[in-house]
């Protein structure tokens, strides 16, 4: 695998994914019982926006920087903006230093009673995760394939869990098939877990079969949220992205529906963007 997320840290897809991840975690925290967070493709945990990889693409300038530069933050986006500010206490809205990956966001939001299981294959990212969370007893870092790890990590002892599946999608159609196989096996072990699957949108024809599979997978409360910056008819660029949520917590659909128009307004790159929230089951 050649994918390095540092090139894309803080881009529009990260803003979308992480804003929705915060909604999910906060919804699950409404119940007092402990929670286990599982990240199948954890990445490095945090990203230096001054690093050569991030600077080479500059994608964060069209993502997180556009949100943070707004003079007034709409209410639904406030938790996301507050978290970014907390990680950059000395930086201005126009010059952030650090962008968090999903593991850091989860670690910041989860409680002392909760646990985090982080899976990653690449040596450098694993080393960064272990350094980042060396003093956090809630966190376990596993250098192994995240899909395969689900068989060992599920069901968690807490019997409550959020599983984030956020692969690199180097080959889209093949990755969707891998996700379907992994989800089917995970449902057998942990039917009540909340599963959140991030996916890119280039061609709608690549995404539609995955949605059909979700409709027929036998699970309930399956929600899809999508953000498009361009028409979904070109394989040459990332036109948008989506998050499919299985066993969606109560009122998460309403919170996401309130947030997506704000994200589109702040991240738009033309007049052909769009957003939607749809129940598949």
Protein backbone atom coordinates (compact mmCIF):
# COMPACT_ATOMS: atom_id res chain seq x y z
CA UNK A 1 0.00 0.00 0.00
CA UNK A 2 1.47 3.33 -1.11
CA UNK A 3 -1.19 5.62 0.35
CA UNK A 4 -0.02 8.34 2.77
CA UNK A 5 -2.77 10.38 4.37
CA UNK A 6 -0.38 13.22 5.21
CA UNK A 7 -0.83 14.44 1.62
CA UNK A 8 -4.56 14.87 2.22
CA UNK A 9 -4.76 15.81 5.91
CA UNK A 10 -7.35 18.49 6.56
CA UNK A 11 -8.87 18.38 3.09
CA UNK A 12 -12.63 18.69 2.52
CA UNK A 13 -13.11 14.92 2.95
CA UNK A 14 -11.39 15.03 6.35
CA UNK A 15 -13.56 17.95 7.46
CA UNK A 16 -16.70 16.03 6.45
CA UNK A 17 -15.57 12.77 8.04
CA UNK A 18 -14.37 14.26 11.29
CA UNK A 19 -17.33 16.58 11.79
CA UNK A 20 -19.64 13.57 11.45
CA UNK A 21 -17.42 11.42 13.66
CA UNK A 22 -17.79 14.00 16.42
CA UNK A 23 -21.59 13.83 16.06
CA UNK A 24 -21.48 10.04 16.41
CA UNK A 25 -19.21 10.01 19.45
CA UNK A 26 -21.21 12.67 21.25
CA UNK A 27 -24.43 10.78 20.58
CA UNK A 28 -23.00 7.55 21.98
CA UNK A 29 -21.69 9.35 25.07
CA UNK A 30 -25.24 10.27 26.06
CA UNK A 31 -25.49 6.83 27.64
CA UNK A 32 -23.35 6.40 30.77
CA UNK A 33 -22.09 2.90 29.96
CA UNK A 34 -18.52 2.55 28.63
CA UNK A 35 -17.81 2.50 24.92
CA UNK A 36 -15.12 0.90 22.73
CA UNK A 37 -13.90 2.79 19.66
CA UNK A 38 -12.27 0.69 16.91
CA UNK A 39 -10.39 2.36 14.03
CA UNK A 40 -9.49 -0.12 11.28
CA UNK A 41 -7.24 2.26 9.31
CA UNK A 42 -6.00 4.65 11.96
CA UNK A 43 -3.21 6.52 10.17
CA UNK A 44 -0.75 8.62 12.15
CA UNK A 45 -3.08 10.22 14.69
CA UNK A 46 -1.96 13.80 13.99
CA UNK A 47 -0.49 15.62 11.00
CA UNK A 48 1.90 18.56 10.83
CA UNK A 49 0.49 20.96 8.24
CA UNK A 50 3.95 22.50 7.79
CA UNK A 51 5.34 19.12 6.76
CA UNK A 52 6.49 18.70 3.18
CA UNK A 53 3.82 16.11 2.37
CA UNK A 54 0.92 18.35 3.42
CA UNK A 55 2.53 21.40 1.83
CA UNK A 56 3.09 19.57 -1.45
CA UNK A 57 -0.65 19.28 -2.13
CA UNK A 58 -1.97 22.11 0.05
CA UNK A 59 -5.34 20.37 0.19
CA UNK A 60 -5.93 21.62 3.73
CA UNK A 61 -6.22 25.17 2.40
CA UNK A 62 -9.45 24.17 0.63
CA UNK A 63 -10.67 22.17 3.63
CA UNK A 64 -10.09 22.94 7.28
CA UNK A 65 -8.62 26.39 6.61
CA UNK A 66 -11.80 27.55 4.88
CA UNK A 67 -13.92 26.48 7.84
CA UNK A 68 -11.59 27.98 10.43
CA UNK A 69 -11.39 31.30 8.57
CA UNK A 70 -15.11 31.96 8.98
CA UNK A 71 -15.73 34.94 11.30
CA UNK A 72 -18.82 33.30 12.81
CA UNK A 73 -19.13 29.56 13.35
CA UNK A 74 -22.60 28.04 12.87
CA UNK A 75 -23.74 26.03 15.90
CA UNK A 76 -23.61 22.52 14.36
CA UNK A 77 -19.93 23.04 13.44
CA UNK A 78 -18.88 24.51 16.79
CA UNK A 79 -17.63 21.20 18.34
CA UNK A 80 -15.40 20.56 15.32
CA UNK A 81 -13.99 24.09 15.31
CA UNK A 82 -13.44 24.02 19.08
CA UNK A 83 -11.43 20.80 18.78
CA UNK A 84 -9.21 22.22 16.03
CA UNK A 85 -8.64 25.35 18.12
CA UNK A 86 -7.72 23.24 21.17
CA UNK A 87 -4.99 21.51 19.17
CA UNK A 88 -3.68 24.82 17.82
CA UNK A 89 -3.85 27.19 20.81
CA UNK A 90 -1.14 29.51 19.50
CA UNK A 91 -2.10 29.50 15.83
CA UNK A 92 -4.35 31.95 14.04
CA UNK A 93 -7.33 30.90 11.96
CA UNK A 94 -5.19 31.49 8.88
CA UNK A 95 -2.14 29.45 9.98
CA UNK A 96 -2.87 26.15 11.69
CA UNK A 97 0.01 23.94 12.76
CA UNK A 98 -1.65 20.58 13.44
CA UNK A 99 -4.54 18.63 12.01
CA UNK A 100 -5.90 15.64 13.96
CA UNK A 101 -6.59 12.22 12.55
CA UNK A 102 -9.61 10.25 13.70
CA UNK A 103 -7.68 8.55 16.57
CA UNK A 104 -6.82 11.88 18.16
CA UNK A 105 -10.35 13.18 17.74
CA UNK A 106 -11.75 10.07 19.41
CA UNK A 107 -9.17 10.22 22.21
CA UNK A 108 -10.01 13.87 22.88
CA UNK A 109 -13.73 13.20 23.09
CA UNK A 110 -13.97 9.81 24.78
CA UNK A 111 -14.19 9.42 28.54
CA UNK A 112 -11.83 7.71 31.02
CA UNK A 113 -14.18 4.70 31.07
CA UNK A 114 -13.94 4.23 27.29
CA UNK A 115 -11.31 2.34 25.24
CA UNK A 116 -9.70 2.85 21.83
CA UNK A 117 -8.41 0.06 19.58
CA UNK A 118 -6.31 1.46 16.72
CA UNK A 119 -5.22 -0.67 13.76
CA UNK A 120 -2.58 0.39 11.26
CA UNK A 121 -0.12 -1.43 8.97
CA UNK A 122 2.49 1.16 7.97
CA UNK A 123 5.55 1.25 10.22
CA UNK A 124 5.87 5.04 10.37
CA UNK A 125 2.22 5.59 11.22
CA UNK A 126 2.28 2.84 13.85
CA UNK A 127 5.32 4.46 15.46
CA UNK A 128 3.56 7.83 15.49
CA UNK A 129 0.46 6.31 17.10
CA UNK A 130 2.48 4.57 19.81
CA UNK A 131 4.36 7.76 20.59
CA UNK A 132 1.19 9.84 20.63
CA UNK A 133 -0.70 7.56 22.98
CA UNK A 134 2.15 6.10 25.03
CA UNK A 135 0.75 7.52 28.25
CA UNK A 136 -2.93 6.89 27.55
CA UNK A 137 -4.03 3.61 29.17
CA UNK A 138 -7.28 3.66 27.21
CA UNK A 139 -5.48 3.17 23.88
CA UNK A 140 -4.13 -0.02 22.28
CA UNK A 141 -2.26 0.16 18.96
CA UNK A 142 -2.26 -2.93 16.74
CA UNK A 143 0.06 -3.26 13.74
CA UNK A 144 -2.15 -5.49 11.69
CA UNK A 145 -4.73 -5.47 8.92
CA UNK A 146 -7.77 -3.68 10.26
CA UNK A 147 -10.30 -5.88 8.50
CA UNK A 148 -8.75 -9.05 9.90
CA UNK A 149 -8.44 -7.48 13.34
CA UNK A 150 -12.21 -7.13 13.64
CA UNK A 151 -12.48 -10.87 14.20
CA UNK A 152 -10.28 -10.56 17.28
CA UNK A 153 -11.54 -7.21 18.59
CA UNK A 154 -15.28 -7.85 18.30
CA UNK A 155 -17.39 -8.03 20.30
CA UNK A 156 -15.76 -5.64 22.78
CA UNK A 157 -16.14 -6.36 26.47
CA UNK A 158 -18.12 -3.13 26.84
CA UNK A 159 -20.81 -4.49 24.49
CA UNK A 160 -21.07 -0.97 23.08
CA UNK A 161 -18.86 0.12 20.22
CA UNK A 162 -18.21 2.50 17.35
CA UNK A 163 -16.24 0.96 14.50
CA UNK A 164 -14.78 3.40 11.97
CA UNK A 165 -13.78 1.87 8.64
CA UNK A 166 -11.82 4.44 6.62
CA UNK A 167 -9.57 2.63 4.11
CA UNK A 168 -7.39 4.31 1.47
CA UNK A 169 -9.54 3.09 -1.45
CA UNK A 170 -6.62 2.64 -3.81
CA UNK A 171 -8.91 0.42 -5.93
CA UNK A 172 -12.48 1.52 -5.35
CA UNK A 173 -14.55 -1.41 -6.57
CA UNK A 174 -12.28 -3.95 -4.90
CA UNK A 175 -12.28 -1.97 -1.64
CA UNK A 176 -16.07 -1.89 -1.52
CA UNK A 177 -16.16 -5.67 -1.93
CA UNK A 178 -13.62 -6.06 0.89
CA UNK A 179 -15.71 -3.81 3.14
CA UNK A 180 -18.84 -5.83 2.45
CA UNK A 181 -17.10 -9.07 3.40
CA UNK A 182 -15.66 -7.52 6.57
CA UNK A 183 -18.99 -6.02 7.60
CA UNK A 184 -20.89 -9.28 7.07
CA UNK A 185 -18.44 -11.10 9.36
CA UNK A 186 -18.49 -8.28 11.92
CA UNK A 187 -22.29 -8.26 12.07
CA UNK A 188 -22.21 -11.94 13.00
CA UNK A 189 -19.97 -11.20 15.99
CA UNK A 190 -21.30 -7.80 17.05
CA UNK A 191 -24.72 -7.08 15.59
CA UNK A 192 -25.46 -4.10 17.84
CA UNK A 193 -22.27 -2.12 17.15
CA UNK A 194 -22.37 1.22 15.37
CA UNK A 195 -20.42 0.94 12.11
CA UNK A 196 -19.32 4.04 10.18
CA UNK A 197 -17.83 3.51 6.72
CA UNK A 198 -16.23 6.46 4.92
CA UNK A 199 -16.06 6.20 1.12
CA UNK A 200 -14.90 8.41 -1.74
CA UNK A 201 -17.22 9.43 -4.57
CA UNK A 202 -15.77 9.61 -8.05
CA UNK A 203 -18.22 7.64 -10.19
CA UNK A 204 -21.73 7.01 -8.86
CA UNK A 205 -21.65 3.63 -10.59
CA UNK A 206 -18.94 2.54 -8.12
CA UNK A 207 -20.96 3.57 -5.08
CA UNK A 208 -24.42 2.31 -6.07
CA UNK A 209 -23.64 -1.44 -5.64
CA UNK A 210 -22.40 -0.79 -2.10
CA UNK A 211 -25.64 0.98 -1.24
CA UNK A 212 -27.63 -1.94 -2.69
CA UNK A 213 -25.62 -4.34 -0.53
CA UNK A 214 -26.31 -2.24 2.56
CA UNK A 215 -30.05 -2.26 1.83
CA UNK A 216 -30.01 -6.04 1.70
CA UNK A 217 -27.53 -6.81 4.49
CA UNK A 218 -30.20 -7.44 7.11
CA UNK A 219 -29.23 -4.61 9.45
CA UNK A 220 -31.43 -1.73 10.55
CA UNK A 221 -31.10 2.04 10.90
CA UNK A 222 -28.70 2.40 7.98
CA UNK A 223 -28.06 6.05 7.16
CA UNK A 224 -26.01 7.52 4.31
CA UNK A 225 -24.69 11.08 4.33
CA UNK A 226 -22.86 12.51 1.33
CA UNK A 227 -21.12 15.74 0.37
CA UNK A 228 -20.40 16.49 -3.29
CA UNK A 229 -18.23 19.32 -4.57
CA UNK A 230 -18.43 18.24 -8.22
CA UNK A 231 -20.71 16.02 -10.33
CA UNK A 232 -20.20 12.33 -9.57
CA UNK A 233 -19.35 11.38 -13.14
CA UNK A 234 -15.55 11.56 -13.38
CA UNK A 235 -12.98 9.02 -12.24
CA UNK A 236 -10.18 11.60 -12.53
CA UNK A 237 -10.75 13.42 -9.23
CA UNK A 238 -12.37 13.11 -5.83
CA UNK A 239 -15.78 14.61 -6.49
CA UNK A 240 -17.17 14.04 -3.02
CA UNK A 241 -17.39 11.55 -0.20
CA UNK A 242 -19.89 9.79 1.99
CA UNK A 243 -20.36 8.10 5.33
CA UNK A 244 -22.57 5.03 5.69
CA UNK A 245 -23.70 4.42 9.28
CA UNK A 246 -25.18 1.11 10.46
CA UNK A 247 -27.20 1.11 13.70
CA UNK A 248 -27.36 4.90 13.61
CA UNK A 249 -27.85 6.39 17.10
CA UNK A 250 -30.95 8.39 17.93
CA UNK A 251 -31.22 11.85 16.34
CA UNK A 252 -27.88 11.58 14.54
CA UNK A 253 -29.74 11.91 11.23
CA UNK A 254 -31.15 15.29 12.28
CA UNK A 255 -27.80 16.58 13.50
CA UNK A 256 -26.07 15.57 10.28
CA UNK A 257 -28.87 17.07 8.18
CA UNK A 258 -28.34 20.38 9.99
CA UNK A 259 -24.58 20.22 9.44
CA UNK A 260 -24.26 19.23 5.78
CA UNK A 261 -25.58 22.48 4.23
CA UNK A 262 -23.06 24.38 6.34
CA UNK A 263 -20.24 22.14 5.16
CA UNK A 264 -21.29 22.55 1.55
CA UNK A 265 -21.47 26.33 1.92
CA UNK A 266 -17.99 26.51 3.47
CA UNK A 267 -16.27 23.96 1.24
CA UNK A 268 -17.93 24.50 -2.13
CA UNK A 269 -15.63 24.63 -5.17
CA UNK A 270 -18.20 25.43 -7.83
CA UNK A 271 -21.89 25.50 -8.62
CA UNK A 272 -22.37 21.75 -9.04
CA UNK A 273 -21.98 20.67 -5.43
CA UNK A 274 -24.62 19.02 -3.30
CA UNK A 275 -25.33 17.10 -0.13
CA UNK A 276 -27.86 14.57 1.06
CA UNK A 277 -28.92 12.43 3.99
CA UNK A 278 -30.86 9.25 3.18
CA UNK A 279 -32.11 6.25 5.12
CA UNK A 280 -31.26 3.05 3.25
CA UNK A 281 -32.98 0.87 5.84
